[in-house]
Amino acid sequence: MGQSETVLLIIIACVAFFNFLAFILYGVDKNRAKNGGWRISEKTLFLAALPGSALGALLGMYVFRHKTKHWYFKYGIPAILAVQVVIAGILIWKYV
């Protein structure tokens, strides 16, 4: 395996990890909301979508039915995802 393939696998692994982490954060916060526990801040939930993990955040929102009524989550997370898809497409087109 060449160096570029190794770098690509590392990037994919990091993106998968951050998506999983964002998904889990939404589930944990929903559980805490239902049980009256200490909550994860909305800022943290929103920022969790930024490192290439908007898909995980969006899935977490809808799987756990959490933050779907807040307009800034309802429209902000998909907007971040759209930007991430465009950036990924440009990078793939340019470097792969």
Protein backbone atom coordinates (compact mmCIF):
# COMPACT_ATOMS: atom_id res chain seq x y z
CA MET A 1 0.00 0.00 0.00
CA GLY A 2 1.35 3.40 -0.98
CA GLN A 3 1.60 6.52 1.11
CA SER A 4 -1.47 8.17 -0.48
CA GLU A 5 -3.61 5.11 0.25
CA THR A 6 -2.43 5.11 3.86
CA VAL A 7 -3.27 8.80 4.26
CA LEU A 8 -6.71 8.22 2.71
CA LEU A 9 -7.42 5.35 5.13
CA ILE A 10 -6.36 7.49 8.08
CA ILE A 11 -8.65 10.31 6.95
CA ILE A 12 -11.57 7.90 6.49
CA ALA A 13 -10.95 6.39 9.94
CA CYS A 14 -10.86 9.84 11.57
CA VAL A 15 -14.06 10.95 9.84
CA ALA A 16 -15.80 7.71 10.85
CA PHE A 17 -14.64 8.14 14.46
CA PHE A 18 -15.85 11.75 14.67
CA ASN A 19 -19.20 10.82 13.10
CA PHE A 20 -19.63 8.03 15.64
CA LEU A 21 -18.70 10.41 18.46
CA ALA A 22 -21.22 13.03 17.29
CA PHE A 23 -23.94 10.38 17.02
CA ILE A 24 -23.21 9.13 20.54
CA LEU A 25 -23.20 12.68 21.97
CA TYR A 26 -26.75 13.26 20.71
CA GLY A 27 -27.88 9.97 22.22
CA VAL A 28 -26.24 10.69 25.57
CA ASP A 29 -27.77 14.16 25.73
CA LYS A 30 -31.22 12.83 24.86
CA ASN A 31 -30.90 10.21 27.60
CA ARG A 32 -29.83 12.84 30.10
CA ALA A 33 -32.72 15.10 29.02
CA LYS A 34 -35.21 12.30 29.67
CA ASN A 35 -33.69 11.40 33.03
CA GLY A 36 -32.97 14.90 34.34
CA GLY A 37 -29.21 14.53 34.26
CA TRP A 38 -26.42 16.98 33.52
CA ARG A 39 -26.79 18.07 29.87
CA ILE A 40 -24.33 18.53 27.05
CA SER A 41 -24.43 22.15 25.90
CA GLU A 42 -26.04 23.02 22.58
CA LYS A 43 -22.77 24.67 21.57
CA THR A 44 -20.92 21.39 22.11
CA LEU A 45 -23.54 19.43 20.17
CA PHE A 46 -23.33 21.90 17.30
CA LEU A 47 -19.52 21.99 17.33
CA ALA A 48 -19.47 18.17 17.27
CA ALA A 49 -20.72 18.38 13.68
CA LEU A 50 -17.80 20.49 12.45
CA PRO A 51 -14.85 18.08 12.11
CA GLY A 52 -16.41 16.25 9.17
CA SER A 53 -19.08 14.68 11.35
CA ALA A 54 -22.32 16.43 10.39
CA LEU A 55 -23.72 13.13 9.10
CA GLY A 56 -23.28 11.52 12.52
CA ALA A 57 -24.88 14.55 14.20
CA LEU A 58 -27.81 14.52 11.76
CA LEU A 59 -28.35 10.79 12.25
CA GLY A 60 -28.17 11.28 16.01
CA MET A 61 -30.76 14.04 15.82
CA TYR A 62 -33.27 11.88 13.99
CA VAL A 63 -32.53 8.47 15.50
CA PHE A 64 -32.82 9.85 19.03
CA ARG A 65 -35.41 12.52 18.08
CA HIS A 66 -33.28 15.15 19.72
CA LYS A 67 -33.00 18.85 18.84
CA THR A 68 -35.15 18.38 15.72
CA LYS A 69 -37.50 21.22 16.68
CA HIS A 70 -34.76 23.81 17.13
CA TRP A 71 -34.46 25.67 13.81
CA TYR A 72 -30.72 26.22 14.15
CA PHE A 73 -30.18 22.46 14.46
CA LYS A 74 -32.88 21.53 11.94
CA TYR A 75 -31.32 23.72 9.24
CA GLY A 76 -27.78 24.27 10.55
CA ILE A 77 -26.62 20.66 10.74
CA PRO A 78 -27.84 19.82 7.19
CA ALA A 79 -26.15 23.02 5.94
CA ILE A 80 -22.87 21.96 7.55
CA LEU A 81 -23.31 18.51 5.98
CA ALA A 82 -23.86 20.06 2.54
CA VAL A 83 -20.66 22.10 2.86
CA GLN A 84 -18.75 19.00 4.01
CA VAL A 85 -20.04 16.97 1.05
CA VAL A 86 -18.99 19.71 -1.39
CA ILE A 87 -15.54 19.95 0.20
CA ALA A 88 -15.13 16.16 0.13
CA GLY A 89 -16.22 16.08 -3.51
CA ILE A 90 -13.70 18.76 -4.45
CA LEU A 91 -10.91 16.97 -2.59
CA ILE A 92 -11.77 13.63 -4.15
CA TRP A 93 -11.99 15.16 -7.62
CA LYS A 94 -8.70 16.96 -7.19
CA TYR A 95 -6.57 14.34 -5.44
CA VAL A 96 -7.99 10.89 -6.14
